[in-house]
Amino acid sequence: MDIVNHSNYIHMTEEAHVDFMNKIGVGYEEMEAQGVMFPVLGVTCQYKRSLHFGENLAVYSYITKYNGFKLDLRYDIRCVENDALCAVAISSRCFTNTKIKSIRIAEKYPEMHRFFQEALQVEYQ
């Protein structure tokens, strides 16, 4: 079988998520050092086209919802060779302290909040 297994798409989104967080200036290490955790509430994935072994892929990540308490990220997984959209995934996450109690980062972590607000304003094509 030369088709990438469907379970690998979720792994792709997690790698893209970590990269995205670093690019917007809020890396996981920094968040955890400040006592902020970012657990997953849910993940969905719609498969549009099979990705085949040997094809290169690109994952485009962006914020679709953010309210200072919860954040939704969308991931467009594309085949580089023909720019075909292979899958669209969405992960929902919330912010908690180290005891996994929900927090609103706008109040206690205004700089982190600002990074997420700015990333939400970016328009992607």
PDB file of N, CA and C in Angstrom:
ATOM      1  N   MET A   1       0.856  -1.179   0.000  1.00  0.00           N
ATOM      2  CA  MET A   1       0.000   0.000   0.000  1.00  0.00           C
ATOM      3  C   MET A   1       0.896   1.235   0.000  1.00  0.00           C
ATOM      4  N   ASP A   2       0.659   2.134  -0.909  1.00  0.00           N
ATOM      5  CA  ASP A   2       1.519   3.309  -0.994  1.00  0.00           C
ATOM      6  C   ASP A   2       0.835   4.573  -0.479  1.00  0.00           C
ATOM      7  N   ILE A   3      -0.228   4.408   0.273  1.00  0.00           N
ATOM      8  CA  ILE A   3      -0.960   5.548   0.816  1.00  0.00           C
ATOM      9  C   ILE A   3      -0.571   5.738   2.285  1.00  0.00           C
ATOM     10  N   VAL A   4      -0.345   6.980   2.677  1.00  0.00           N
ATOM     11  CA  VAL A   4      -0.005   7.305   4.054  1.00  0.00           C
ATOM     12  C   VAL A   4      -1.213   6.992   4.942  1.00  0.00           C
ATOM     13  N   ASN A   5      -0.985   6.269   6.025  1.00  0.00           N
ATOM     14  CA  ASN A   5      -2.060   5.880   6.934  1.00  0.00           C
ATOM     15  C   ASN A   5      -2.701   7.115   7.555  1.00  0.00           C
ATOM     16  N   HIS A   6      -4.009   7.065   7.707  1.00  0.00           N
ATOM     17  CA  HIS A   6      -4.771   8.211   8.207  1.00  0.00           C
ATOM     18  C   HIS A   6      -4.303   8.682   9.589  1.00  0.00           C
ATOM     19  N   SER A   7      -3.819   7.794  10.429  1.00  0.00           N
ATOM     20  CA  SER A   7      -3.405   8.193  11.778  1.00  0.00           C
ATOM     21  C   SER A   7      -2.175   9.106  11.756  1.00  0.00           C
ATOM     22  N   ASN A   8      -1.401   9.058  10.684  1.00  0.00           N
ATOM     23  CA  ASN A   8      -0.210   9.902  10.595  1.00  0.00           C
ATOM     24  C   ASN A   8      -0.537  11.385  10.445  1.00  0.00           C
ATOM     25  N   TYR A   9      -1.725  11.702   9.953  1.00  0.00           N
ATOM     26  CA  TYR A   9      -2.090  13.097   9.769  1.00  0.00           C
ATOM     27  C   TYR A   9      -2.154  13.837  11.104  1.00  0.00           C
ATOM     28  N   ILE A  10      -2.605  13.172  12.151  1.00  0.00           N
ATOM     29  CA  ILE A  10      -2.667  13.801  13.466  1.00  0.00           C
ATOM     30  C   ILE A  10      -1.262  14.070  13.981  1.00  0.00           C
ATOM     31  N   HIS A  11      -0.339  13.151  13.738  1.00  0.00           N
ATOM     32  CA  HIS A  11       1.058  13.389  14.118  1.00  0.00           C
ATOM     33  C   HIS A  11       1.621  14.587  13.357  1.00  0.00           C
ATOM     34  N   MET A  12       1.265  14.706  12.083  1.00  0.00           N
ATOM     35  CA  MET A  12       1.724  15.839  11.280  1.00  0.00           C
ATOM     36  C   MET A  12       1.238  17.157  11.881  1.00  0.00           C
ATOM     37  N   THR A  13      -0.009  17.170  12.322  1.00  0.00           N
ATOM     38  CA  THR A  13      -0.548  18.410  12.886  1.00  0.00           C
ATOM     39  C   THR A  13       0.133  18.767  14.200  1.00  0.00           C
ATOM     40  N   GLU A  14       0.489  17.779  14.993  1.00  0.00           N
ATOM     41  CA  GLU A  14       1.165  18.071  16.265  1.00  0.00           C
ATOM     42  C   GLU A  14       2.537  18.680  16.014  1.00  0.00           C
ATOM     43  N   GLU A  15       3.263  18.135  15.051  1.00  0.00           N
ATOM     44  CA  GLU A  15       4.564  18.715  14.697  1.00  0.00           C
ATOM     45  C   GLU A  15       4.390  20.147  14.183  1.00  0.00           C
ATOM     46  N   ALA A  16       3.384  20.354  13.349  1.00  0.00           N
ATOM     47  CA  ALA A  16       3.118  21.686  12.811  1.00  0.00           C
ATOM     48  C   ALA A  16       2.705  22.645  13.920  1.00  0.00           C
ATOM     49  N   HIS A  17       1.963  22.134  14.885  1.00  0.00           N
ATOM     50  CA  HIS A  17       1.519  22.967  16.008  1.00  0.00           C
ATOM     51  C   HIS A  17       2.708  23.488  16.816  1.00  0.00           C
ATOM     52  N   VAL A  18       3.636  22.614  17.131  1.00  0.00           N
ATOM     53  CA  VAL A  18       4.824  23.018  17.891  1.00  0.00           C
ATOM     54  C   VAL A  18       5.619  24.061  17.107  1.00  0.00           C
ATOM     55  N   ASP A  19       5.788  23.836  15.807  1.00  0.00           N
ATOM     56  CA  ASP A  19       6.494  24.789  14.951  1.00  0.00           C
ATOM     57  C   ASP A  19       5.761  26.131  14.906  1.00  0.00           C
ATOM     58  N   PHE A  20       4.444  26.083  14.765  1.00  0.00           N
ATOM     59  CA  PHE A  20       3.640  27.305  14.722  1.00  0.00           C
ATOM     60  C   PHE A  20       3.802  28.116  16.005  1.00  0.00           C
ATOM     61  N   MET A  21       3.736  27.445  17.150  1.00  0.00           N
ATOM     62  CA  MET A  21       3.868  28.138  18.434  1.00  0.00           C
ATOM     63  C   MET A  21       5.227  28.826  18.534  1.00  0.00           C
ATOM     64  N   ASN A  22       6.275  28.153  18.103  1.00  0.00           N
ATOM     65  CA  ASN A  22       7.602  28.771  18.122  1.00  0.00           C
ATOM     66  C   ASN A  22       7.664  29.979  17.195  1.00  0.00           C
ATOM     67  N   LYS A  23       7.055  29.868  16.026  1.00  0.00           N
ATOM     68  CA  LYS A  23       7.089  30.965  15.055  1.00  0.00           C
ATOM     69  C   LYS A  23       6.347  32.202  15.529  1.00  0.00           C
ATOM     70  N   ILE A  24       5.268  32.023  16.295  1.00  0.00           N
ATOM     71  CA  ILE A  24       4.542  33.211  16.772  1.00  0.00           C
ATOM     72  C   ILE A  24       5.136  33.751  18.068  1.00  0.00           C
ATOM     73  N   GLY A  25       6.161  33.068  18.588  1.00  0.00           N
ATOM     74  CA  GLY A  25       6.867  33.585  19.750  1.00  0.00           C
ATOM     75  C   GLY A  25       6.421  33.044  21.090  1.00  0.00           C
ATOM     76  N   VAL A  26       5.630  31.970  21.083  1.00  0.00           N
ATOM     77  CA  VAL A  26       5.150  31.375  22.334  1.00  0.00           C
ATOM     78  C   VAL A  26       5.444  29.881  22.290  1.00  0.00           C
ATOM     79  N   GLY A  27       6.681  29.509  22.550  1.00  0.00           N
ATOM     80  CA  GLY A  27       7.057  28.103  22.530  1.00  0.00           C
ATOM     81  C   GLY A  27       6.570  27.369  23.765  1.00  0.00           C
ATOM     82  N   TYR A  28       6.447  26.060  23.624  1.00  0.00           N
ATOM     83  CA  TYR A  28       5.968  25.234  24.738  1.00  0.00           C
ATOM     84  C   TYR A  28       6.863  25.339  25.965  1.00  0.00           C
ATOM     85  N   GLU A  29       8.169  25.345  25.756  1.00  0.00           N
ATOM     86  CA  GLU A  29       9.080  25.424  26.900  1.00  0.00           C
ATOM     87  C   GLU A  29       8.835  26.701  27.689  1.00  0.00           C
ATOM     88  N   GLU A  30       8.663  27.808  26.971  1.00  0.00           N
ATOM     89  CA  GLU A  30       8.403  29.092  27.627  1.00  0.00           C
ATOM     90  C   GLU A  30       7.073  29.054  28.387  1.00  0.00           C
ATOM     91  N   MET A  31       6.043  28.499  27.745  1.00  0.00           N
ATOM     92  CA  MET A  31       4.735  28.428  28.406  1.00  0.00           C
ATOM     93  C   MET A  31       4.811  27.609  29.689  1.00  0.00           C
ATOM     94  N   GLU A  32       5.428  26.433  29.596  1.00  0.00           N
ATOM     95  CA  GLU A  32       5.500  25.561  30.760  1.00  0.00           C
ATOM     96  C   GLU A  32       6.370  26.161  31.855  1.00  0.00           C
ATOM     97  N   ALA A  33       7.420  26.884  31.477  1.00  0.00           N
ATOM     98  CA  ALA A  33       8.259  27.551  32.474  1.00  0.00           C
ATOM     99  C   ALA A  33       7.464  28.602  33.244  1.00  0.00           C
ATOM    100  N   GLN A  34       6.452  29.176  32.593  1.00  0.00           N
ATOM    101  CA  GLN A  34       5.593  30.166  33.246  1.00  0.00           C
ATOM    102  C   GLN A  34       4.411  29.518  33.961  1.00  0.00           C
ATOM    103  N   GLY A  35       4.323  28.179  33.899  1.00  0.00           N
ATOM    104  CA  GLY A  35       3.248  27.475  34.589  1.00  0.00           C
ATOM    105  C   GLY A  35       1.972  27.342  33.787  1.00  0.00           C
ATOM    106  N   VAL A  36       2.060  27.534  32.477  1.00  0.00           N
ATOM    107  CA  VAL A  36       0.886  27.433  31.602  1.00  0.00           C
ATOM    108  C   VAL A  36       0.951  26.125  30.833  1.00  0.00           C
ATOM    109  N   MET A  37      -0.115  25.354  30.928  1.00  0.00           N
ATOM    110  CA  MET A  37      -0.237  24.109  30.169  1.00  0.00           C
ATOM    111  C   MET A  37      -1.249  24.353  29.040  1.00  0.00           C
ATOM    112  N   PHE A  38      -1.233  23.487  28.037  1.00  0.00           N
ATOM    113  CA  PHE A  38      -2.036  23.721  26.836  1.00  0.00           C
ATOM    114  C   PHE A  38      -2.639  22.408  26.346  1.00  0.00           C
ATOM    115  N   PRO A  39      -3.477  21.759  27.173  1.00  0.00           N
ATOM    116  CA  PRO A  39      -3.995  20.440  26.804  1.00  0.00           C
ATOM    117  C   PRO A  39      -4.980  20.473  25.640  1.00  0.00           C
ATOM    118  N   VAL A  40      -5.033  19.356  24.950  1.00  0.00           N
ATOM    119  CA  VAL A  40      -5.951  19.186  23.817  1.00  0.00           C
ATOM    120  C   VAL A  40      -7.349  18.855  24.339  1.00  0.00           C
ATOM    121  N   LEU A  41      -8.342  19.546  23.816  1.00  0.00           N
ATOM    122  CA  LEU A  41      -9.746  19.247  24.124  1.00  0.00           C
ATOM    123  C   LEU A  41     -10.354  18.330  23.078  1.00  0.00           C
ATOM    124  N   GLY A  42      -9.878  18.457  21.840  1.00  0.00           N
ATOM    125  CA  GLY A  42     -10.404  17.621  20.759  1.00  0.00           C
ATOM    126  C   GLY A  42      -9.660  17.864  19.464  1.00  0.00           C
ATOM    127  N   VAL A  43      -9.741  16.877  18.583  1.00  0.00           N
ATOM    128  CA  VAL A  43      -9.111  16.969  17.264  1.00  0.00           C
ATOM    129  C   VAL A  43     -10.068  16.374  16.238  1.00  0.00           C
ATOM    130  N   THR A  44     -10.215  17.055  15.116  1.00  0.00           N
ATOM    131  CA  THR A  44     -10.979  16.503  14.005  1.00  0.00           C
ATOM    132  C   THR A  44     -10.096  16.555  12.757  1.00  0.00           C
ATOM    133  N   CYS A  45     -10.373  15.659  11.828  1.00  0.00           N
ATOM    134  CA  CYS A  45      -9.615  15.654  10.582  1.00  0.00           C
ATOM    135  C   CYS A  45     -10.532  15.198   9.457  1.00  0.00           C
ATOM    136  N   GLN A  46     -10.597  16.014   8.417  1.00  0.00           N
ATOM    137  CA  GLN A  46     -11.346  15.655   7.215  1.00  0.00           C
ATOM    138  C   GLN A  46     -10.326  15.326   6.133  1.00  0.00           C
ATOM    139  N   TYR A  47     -10.440  14.130   5.602  1.00  0.00           N
ATOM    140  CA  TYR A  47      -9.511  13.676   4.584  1.00  0.00           C
ATOM    141  C   TYR A  47     -10.082  14.022   3.211  1.00  0.00           C
ATOM    142  N   LYS A  48      -9.284  14.721   2.409  1.00  0.00           N
ATOM    143  CA  LYS A  48      -9.737  15.207   1.109  1.00  0.00           C
ATOM    144  C   LYS A  48      -9.142  14.406  -0.050  1.00  0.00           C
ATOM    145  N   ARG A  49      -7.872  14.035   0.087  1.00  0.00           N
ATOM    146  CA  ARG A  49      -7.145  13.334  -0.966  1.00  0.00           C
ATOM    147  C   ARG A  49      -6.042  12.514  -0.302  1.00  0.00           C
ATOM    148  N   SER A  50      -5.813  11.348  -0.786  1.00  0.00           N
ATOM    149  CA  SER A  50      -4.761  10.508  -0.207  1.00  0.00           C
ATOM    150  C   SER A  50      -3.384  11.086  -0.506  1.00  0.00           C
ATOM    151  N   LEU A  51      -2.550  11.034   0.493  1.00  0.00           N
ATOM    152  CA  LEU A  51      -1.152  11.391   0.328  1.00  0.00           C
ATOM    153  C   LEU A  51      -0.384  10.082   0.133  1.00  0.00           C
ATOM    154  N   HIS A  52       0.461  10.041  -0.859  1.00  0.00           N
ATOM    155  CA  HIS A  52       1.193   8.819  -1.186  1.00  0.00           C
ATOM    156  C   HIS A  52       2.629   8.904  -0.689  1.00  0.00           C
ATOM    157  N   PHE A  53       3.202   7.736  -0.351  1.00  0.00           N
ATOM    158  CA  PHE A  53       4.595   7.696   0.051  1.00  0.00           C
ATOM    159  C   PHE A  53       5.447   8.283  -1.056  1.00  0.00           C
ATOM    160  N   GLY A  54       6.428   9.068  -0.670  1.00  0.00           N
ATOM    161  CA  GLY A  54       7.309   9.706  -1.639  1.00  0.00           C
ATOM    162  C   GLY A  54       6.871  11.117  -1.992  1.00  0.00           C
ATOM    163  N   GLU A  55       5.604  11.455  -1.746  1.00  0.00           N
ATOM    164  CA  GLU A  55       5.154  12.826  -1.993  1.00  0.00           C
ATOM    165  C   GLU A  55       5.585  13.700  -0.812  1.00  0.00           C
ATOM    166  N   ASN A  56       5.935  14.911  -1.134  1.00  0.00           N
ATOM    167  CA  ASN A  56       6.290  15.873  -0.097  1.00  0.00           C
ATOM    168  C   ASN A  56       5.029  16.583   0.370  1.00  0.00           C
ATOM    169  N   LEU A  57       5.036  16.968   1.629  1.00  0.00           N
ATOM    170  CA  LEU A  57       3.853  17.646   2.154  1.00  0.00           C
ATOM    171  C   LEU A  57       4.237  18.931   2.846  1.00  0.00           C
ATOM    172  N   ALA A  58       3.274  19.798   2.960  1.00  0.00           N
ATOM    173  CA  ALA A  58       3.415  21.039   3.722  1.00  0.00           C
ATOM    174  C   ALA A  58       2.171  21.167   4.590  1.00  0.00           C
ATOM    175  N   VAL A  59       2.374  21.617   5.813  1.00  0.00           N
ATOM    176  CA  VAL A  59       1.256  21.823   6.731  1.00  0.00           C
ATOM    177  C   VAL A  59       1.211  23.312   7.063  1.00  0.00           C
ATOM    178  N   TYR A  60       0.081  23.933   6.766  1.00  0.00           N
ATOM    179  CA  TYR A  60      -0.117  25.350   7.046  1.00  0.00           C
ATOM    180  C   TYR A  60      -1.026  25.459   8.265  1.00  0.00           C
ATOM    181  N   SER A  61      -0.529  26.112   9.305  1.00  0.00           N
ATOM    182  CA  SER A  61      -1.257  26.209  10.572  1.00  0.00           C
ATOM    183  C   SER A  61      -1.686  27.649  10.812  1.00  0.00           C
ATOM    184  N   TYR A  62      -2.894  27.804  11.342  1.00  0.00           N
ATOM    185  CA  TYR A  62      -3.331  29.134  11.722  1.00  0.00           C
ATOM    186  C   TYR A  62      -4.466  29.049  12.730  1.00  0.00           C
ATOM    187  N   ILE A  63      -4.583  30.117  13.491  1.00  0.00           N
ATOM    188  CA  ILE A  63      -5.609  30.195  14.534  1.00  0.00           C
ATOM    189  C   ILE A  63      -6.934  30.578  13.895  1.00  0.00           C
ATOM    190  N   THR A  64      -7.983  29.849  14.235  1.00  0.00           N
ATOM    191  CA  THR A  64      -9.322  30.193  13.742  1.00  0.00           C
ATOM    192  C   THR A  64     -10.207  30.788  14.835  1.00  0.00           C
ATOM    193  N   LYS A  65      -9.940  30.442  16.090  1.00  0.00           N
ATOM    194  CA  LYS A  65     -10.700  30.992  17.220  1.00  0.00           C
ATOM    195  C   LYS A  65      -9.762  31.175  18.405  1.00  0.00           C
ATOM    196  N   TYR A  66      -9.966  32.272  19.122  1.00  0.00           N
ATOM    197  CA  TYR A  66      -9.185  32.514  20.329  1.00  0.00           C
ATOM    198  C   TYR A  66      -9.968  33.467  21.216  1.00  0.00           C
ATOM    199  N   ASN A  67     -10.094  33.129  22.497  1.00  0.00           N
ATOM    200  CA  ASN A  67     -10.804  34.010  23.419  1.00  0.00           C
ATOM    201  C   ASN A  67     -10.067  34.222  24.745  1.00  0.00           C
ATOM    202  N   GLY A  68      -8.794  33.852  24.803  1.00  0.00           N
ATOM    203  CA  GLY A  68      -8.020  34.017  26.029  1.00  0.00           C
ATOM    204  C   GLY A  68      -8.125  32.836  26.971  1.00  0.00           C
ATOM    205  N   PHE A  69      -9.035  31.937  26.675  1.00  0.00           N
ATOM    206  CA  PHE A  69      -9.269  30.745  27.491  1.00  0.00           C
ATOM    207  C   PHE A  69      -9.100  29.480  26.644  1.00  0.00           C
ATOM    208  N   LYS A  70      -9.548  29.564  25.405  1.00  0.00           N
ATOM    209  CA  LYS A  70      -9.534  28.430  24.487  1.00  0.00           C
ATOM    210  C   LYS A  70      -9.028  28.902  23.128  1.00  0.00           C
ATOM    211  N   LEU A  71      -8.391  27.972  22.399  1.00  0.00           N
ATOM    212  CA  LEU A  71      -7.824  28.306  21.104  1.00  0.00           C
ATOM    213  C   LEU A  71      -8.076  27.153  20.143  1.00  0.00           C
ATOM    214  N   ASP A  72      -8.503  27.463  18.923  1.00  0.00           N
ATOM    215  CA  ASP A  72      -8.662  26.460  17.865  1.00  0.00           C
ATOM    216  C   ASP A  72      -7.637  26.748  16.769  1.00  0.00           C
ATOM    217  N   LEU A  73      -6.939  25.717  16.370  1.00  0.00           N
ATOM    218  CA  LEU A  73      -5.967  25.819  15.285  1.00  0.00           C
ATOM    219  C   LEU A  73      -6.423  24.962  14.116  1.00  0.00           C
ATOM    220  N   ARG A  74      -6.273  25.494  12.931  1.00  0.00           N
ATOM    221  CA  ARG A  74      -6.578  24.747  11.713  1.00  0.00           C
ATOM    222  C   ARG A  74      -5.264  24.399  11.034  1.00  0.00           C
ATOM    223  N   TYR A  75      -5.236  23.218  10.454  1.00  0.00           N
ATOM    224  CA  TYR A  75      -4.051  22.736   9.750  1.00  0.00           C
ATOM    225  C   TYR A  75      -4.484  22.290   8.353  1.00  0.00           C
ATOM    226  N   ASP A  76      -3.944  22.923   7.341  1.00  0.00           N
ATOM    227  CA  ASP A  76      -4.173  22.495   5.965  1.00  0.00           C
ATOM    228  C   ASP A  76      -2.954  21.672   5.539  1.00  0.00           C
ATOM    229  N   ILE A  77      -3.186  20.412   5.251  1.00  0.00           N
ATOM    230  CA  ILE A  77      -2.101  19.513   4.834  1.00  0.00           C
ATOM    231  C   ILE A  77      -2.174  19.397   3.318  1.00  0.00           C
ATOM    232  N   ARG A  78      -1.105  19.821   2.647  1.00  0.00           N
ATOM    233  CA  ARG A  78      -1.092  19.876   1.193  1.00  0.00           C
ATOM    234  C   ARG A  78       0.056  19.060   0.613  1.00  0.00           C
ATOM    235  N   CYS A  79      -0.189  18.520  -0.558  1.00  0.00           N
ATOM    236  CA  CYS A  79       0.843  17.835  -1.330  1.00  0.00           C
ATOM    237  C   CYS A  79       1.640  18.933  -2.052  1.00  0.00           C
ATOM    238  N   VAL A  80       2.940  18.968  -1.847  1.00  0.00           N
ATOM    239  CA  VAL A  80       3.779  20.022  -2.421  1.00  0.00           C
ATOM    240  C   VAL A  80       3.833  19.934  -3.944  1.00  0.00           C
ATOM    241  N   GLU A  81       3.875  18.715  -4.466  1.00  0.00           N
ATOM    242  CA  GLU A  81       4.043  18.545  -5.910  1.00  0.00           C
ATOM    243  C   GLU A  81       2.908  19.157  -6.729  1.00  0.00           C
ATOM    244  N   ASN A  82       1.689  19.092  -6.241  1.00  0.00           N
ATOM    245  CA  ASN A  82       0.565  19.616  -7.030  1.00  0.00           C
ATOM    246  C   ASN A  82      -0.337  20.568  -6.251  1.00  0.00           C
ATOM    247  N   ASP A  83       0.062  20.922  -5.033  1.00  0.00           N
ATOM    248  CA  ASP A  83      -0.672  21.831  -4.148  1.00  0.00           C
ATOM    249  C   ASP A  83      -2.073  21.328  -3.810  1.00  0.00           C
ATOM    250  N   ALA A  84      -2.309  20.034  -3.955  1.00  0.00           N
ATOM    251  CA  ALA A  84      -3.619  19.465  -3.615  1.00  0.00           C
ATOM    252  C   ALA A  84      -3.816  19.462  -2.108  1.00  0.00           C
ATOM    253  N   LEU A  85      -5.017  19.830  -1.689  1.00  0.00           N
ATOM    254  CA  LEU A  85      -5.373  19.786  -0.275  1.00  0.00           C
ATOM    255  C   LEU A  85      -5.682  18.334   0.086  1.00  0.00           C
ATOM    256  N   CYS A  86      -4.885  17.760   0.962  1.00  0.00           N
ATOM    257  CA  CYS A  86      -5.051  16.349   1.346  1.00  0.00           C
ATOM    258  C   CYS A  86      -5.914  16.182   2.582  1.00  0.00           C
ATOM    259  N   ALA A  87      -5.822  17.124   3.512  1.00  0.00           N
ATOM    260  CA  ALA A  87      -6.610  17.020   4.739  1.00  0.00           C
ATOM    261  C   ALA A  87      -6.714  18.382   5.400  1.00  0.00           C
ATOM    262  N   VAL A  88      -7.795  18.540   6.152  1.00  0.00           N
ATOM    263  CA  VAL A  88      -7.993  19.719   6.987  1.00  0.00           C
ATOM    264  C   VAL A  88      -8.268  19.211   8.396  1.00  0.00           C
ATOM    265  N   ALA A  89      -7.422  19.615   9.325  1.00  0.00           N
ATOM    266  CA  ALA A  89      -7.589  19.199  10.721  1.00  0.00           C
ATOM    267  C   ALA A  89      -7.782  20.431  11.592  1.00  0.00           C
ATOM    268  N   ILE A  90      -8.469  20.237  12.693  1.00  0.00           N
ATOM    269  CA  ILE A  90      -8.659  21.301  13.679  1.00  0.00           C
ATOM    270  C   ILE A  90      -8.407  20.712  15.055  1.00  0.00           C
ATOM    271  N   SER A  91      -7.591  21.419  15.839  1.00  0.00           N
ATOM    272  CA  SER A  91      -7.399  21.012  17.226  1.00  0.00           C
ATOM    273  C   SER A  91      -7.892  22.140  18.128  1.00  0.00           C
ATOM    274  N   SER A  92      -8.593  21.747  19.174  1.00  0.00           N
ATOM    275  CA  SER A  92      -9.069  22.697  20.181  1.00  0.00           C
ATOM    276  C   SER A  92      -8.260  22.467  21.447  1.00  0.00           C
ATOM    277  N   ARG A  93      -7.799  23.556  22.023  1.00  0.00           N
ATOM    278  CA  ARG A  93      -6.992  23.482  23.236  1.00  0.00           C
ATOM    279  C   ARG A  93      -7.440  24.563  24.202  1.00  0.00           C
ATOM    280  N   CYS A  94      -7.149  24.333  25.468  1.00  0.00           N
ATOM    281  CA  CYS A  94      -7.430  25.353  26.469  1.00  0.00           C
ATOM    282  C   CYS A  94      -6.166  25.621  27.260  1.00  0.00           C
ATOM    283  N   PHE A  95      -6.185  26.672  28.038  1.00  0.00           N
ATOM    284  CA  PHE A  95      -5.054  27.040  28.874  1.00  0.00           C
ATOM    285  C   PHE A  95      -5.364  26.638  30.307  1.00  0.00           C
ATOM    286  N   THR A  96      -4.385  25.995  30.953  1.00  0.00           N
ATOM    287  CA  THR A  96      -4.549  25.605  32.354  1.00  0.00           C
ATOM    288  C   THR A  96      -3.260  25.911  33.112  1.00  0.00           C
ATOM    289  N   ASN A  97      -3.375  25.849  34.431  1.00  0.00           N
ATOM    290  CA  ASN A  97      -2.163  25.923  35.239  1.00  0.00           C
ATOM    291  C   ASN A  97      -1.592  24.514  35.363  1.00  0.00           C
ATOM    292  N   THR A  98      -0.555  24.340  36.146  1.00  0.00           N
ATOM    293  CA  THR A  98       0.088  23.029  36.256  1.00  0.00           C
ATOM    294  C   THR A  98      -0.778  22.011  36.990  1.00  0.00           C
ATOM    295  N   LYS A  99      -1.818  22.475  37.661  1.00  0.00           N
ATOM    296  CA  LYS A  99      -2.758  21.559  38.324  1.00  0.00           C
ATOM    297  C   LYS A  99      -3.954  21.255  37.414  1.00  0.00           C
ATOM    298  N   ILE A 100      -3.846  21.658  36.142  1.00  0.00           N
ATOM    299  CA  ILE A 100      -4.870  21.462  35.107  1.00  0.00           C
ATOM    300  C   ILE A 100      -6.176  22.171  35.473  1.00  0.00           C
ATOM    301  N   LYS A 101      -6.070  23.312  36.114  1.00  0.00           N
ATOM    302  CA  LYS A 101      -7.220  24.176  36.378  1.00  0.00           C
ATOM    303  C   LYS A 101      -7.236  25.256  35.302  1.00  0.00           C
ATOM    304  N   SER A 102      -8.389  25.442  34.673  1.00  0.00           N
ATOM    305  CA  SER A 102      -8.520  26.412  33.583  1.00  0.00           C
ATOM    306  C   SER A 102      -8.116  27.808  34.027  1.00  0.00           C
ATOM    307  N   ILE A 103      -7.431  28.502  33.107  1.00  0.00           N
ATOM    308  CA  ILE A 103      -7.044  29.889  33.365  1.00  0.00           C
ATOM    309  C   ILE A 103      -7.326  30.731  32.127  1.00  0.00           C
ATOM    310  N   ARG A 104      -7.459  32.023  32.353  1.00  0.00           N
ATOM    311  CA  ARG A 104      -7.560  32.999  31.262  1.00  0.00           C
ATOM    312  C   ARG A 104      -6.211  33.706  31.194  1.00  0.00           C
ATOM    313  N   ILE A 105      -5.509  33.524  30.098  1.00  0.00           N
ATOM    314  CA  ILE A 105      -4.150  34.054  30.038  1.00  0.00           C
ATOM    315  C   ILE A 105      -4.099  35.568  29.886  1.00  0.00           C
ATOM    316  N   ALA A 106      -5.175  36.197  29.434  1.00  0.00           N
ATOM    317  CA  ALA A 106      -5.166  37.642  29.231  1.00  0.00           C
ATOM    318  C   ALA A 106      -4.858  38.386  30.532  1.00  0.00           C
ATOM    319  N   GLU A 107      -5.336  37.866  31.633  1.00  0.00           N
ATOM    320  CA  GLU A 107      -5.161  38.547  32.914  1.00  0.00           C
ATOM    321  C   GLU A 107      -3.766  38.349  33.498  1.00  0.00           C
ATOM    322  N   LYS A 108      -3.307  37.116  33.516  1.00  0.00           N
ATOM    323  CA  LYS A 108      -2.036  36.809  34.177  1.00  0.00           C
ATOM    324  C   LYS A 108      -0.834  36.852  33.242  1.00  0.00           C
ATOM    325  N   TYR A 109      -1.062  36.614  31.943  1.00  0.00           N
ATOM    326  CA  TYR A 109       0.027  36.550  30.960  1.00  0.00           C
ATOM    327  C   TYR A 109      -0.304  37.437  29.762  1.00  0.00           C
ATOM    328  N   PRO A 110      -0.345  38.757  29.949  1.00  0.00           N
ATOM    329  CA  PRO A 110      -0.779  39.649  28.860  1.00  0.00           C
ATOM    330  C   PRO A 110       0.100  39.597  27.611  1.00  0.00           C
ATOM    331  N   GLU A 111       1.402  39.365  27.781  1.00  0.00           N
ATOM    332  CA  GLU A 111       2.266  39.301  26.598  1.00  0.00           C
ATOM    333  C   GLU A 111       1.953  38.060  25.767  1.00  0.00           C
ATOM    334  N   MET A 112       1.735  36.936  26.431  1.00  0.00           N
ATOM    335  CA  MET A 112       1.366  35.711  25.735  1.00  0.00           C
ATOM    336  C   MET A 112       0.016  35.897  25.028  1.00  0.00           C
ATOM    337  N   HIS A 113      -0.896  36.535  25.707  1.00  0.00           N
ATOM    338  CA  HIS A 113      -2.225  36.827  25.146  1.00  0.00           C
ATOM    339  C   HIS A 113      -2.086  37.666  23.869  1.00  0.00           C
ATOM    340  N   ARG A 114      -1.206  38.655  23.918  1.00  0.00           N
ATOM    341  CA  ARG A 114      -0.995  39.522  22.758  1.00  0.00           C
ATOM    342  C   ARG A 114      -0.472  38.737  21.553  1.00  0.00           C
ATOM    343  N   PHE A 115       0.454  37.792  21.777  1.00  0.00           N
ATOM    344  CA  PHE A 115       0.961  36.964  20.679  1.00  0.00           C
ATOM    345  C   PHE A 115      -0.172  36.214  19.994  1.00  0.00           C
ATOM    346  N   PHE A 116      -1.065  35.635  20.786  1.00  0.00           N
ATOM    347  CA  PHE A 116      -2.186  34.878  20.208  1.00  0.00           C
ATOM    348  C   PHE A 116      -3.164  35.803  19.481  1.00  0.00           C
ATOM    349  N   GLN A 117      -3.427  36.976  20.051  1.00  0.00           N
ATOM    350  CA  GLN A 117      -4.326  37.925  19.388  1.00  0.00           C
ATOM    351  C   GLN A 117      -3.757  38.362  18.041  1.00  0.00           C
ATOM    352  N   GLU A 118      -2.470  38.641  18.006  1.00  0.00           N
ATOM    353  CA  GLU A 118      -1.838  39.061  16.749  1.00  0.00           C
ATOM    354  C   GLU A 118      -1.856  37.938  15.719  1.00  0.00           C
ATOM    355  N   ALA A 119      -1.597  36.712  16.152  1.00  0.00           N
ATOM    356  CA  ALA A 119      -1.612  35.572  15.220  1.00  0.00           C
ATOM    357  C   ALA A 119      -3.017  35.338  14.668  1.00  0.00           C
ATOM    358  N   LEU A 120      -4.034  35.614  15.466  1.00  0.00           N
ATOM    359  CA  LEU A 120      -5.425  35.451  15.019  1.00  0.00           C
ATOM    360  C   LEU A 120      -5.752  36.441  13.894  1.00  0.00           C
ATOM    361  N   GLN A 121      -5.122  37.581  13.884  1.00  0.00           N
ATOM    362  CA  GLN A 121      -5.420  38.622  12.894  1.00  0.00           C
ATOM    363  C   GLN A 121      -4.781  38.361  11.536  1.00  0.00           C
ATOM    364  N   VAL A 122      -3.827  37.455  11.471  1.00  0.00           N
ATOM    365  CA  VAL A 122      -3.140  37.171  10.205  1.00  0.00           C
ATOM    366  C   VAL A 122      -4.099  36.485   9.249  1.00  0.00           C
ATOM    367  N   GLU A 123      -4.168  36.995   8.031  1.00  0.00           N
ATOM    368  CA  GLU A 123      -5.036  36.383   7.016  1.00  0.00           C
ATOM    369  C   GLU A 123      -4.193  35.467   6.135  1.00  0.00           C
ATOM    370  N   TYR A 124      -4.688  34.265   5.944  1.00  0.00           N
ATOM    371  CA  TYR A 124      -3.998  33.258   5.141  1.00  0.00           C
ATOM    372  C   TYR A 124      -4.792  33.000   3.870  1.00  0.00           C
ATOM    373  N   GLN A 125      -4.061  32.690   2.820  1.00  0.00           N
ATOM    374  CA  GLN A 125      -4.724  32.425   1.531  1.00  0.00           C
ATOM    375  C   GLN A 125      -4.550  30.987   1.147  1.00  0.00           C
TER     376      GLN A 125
END
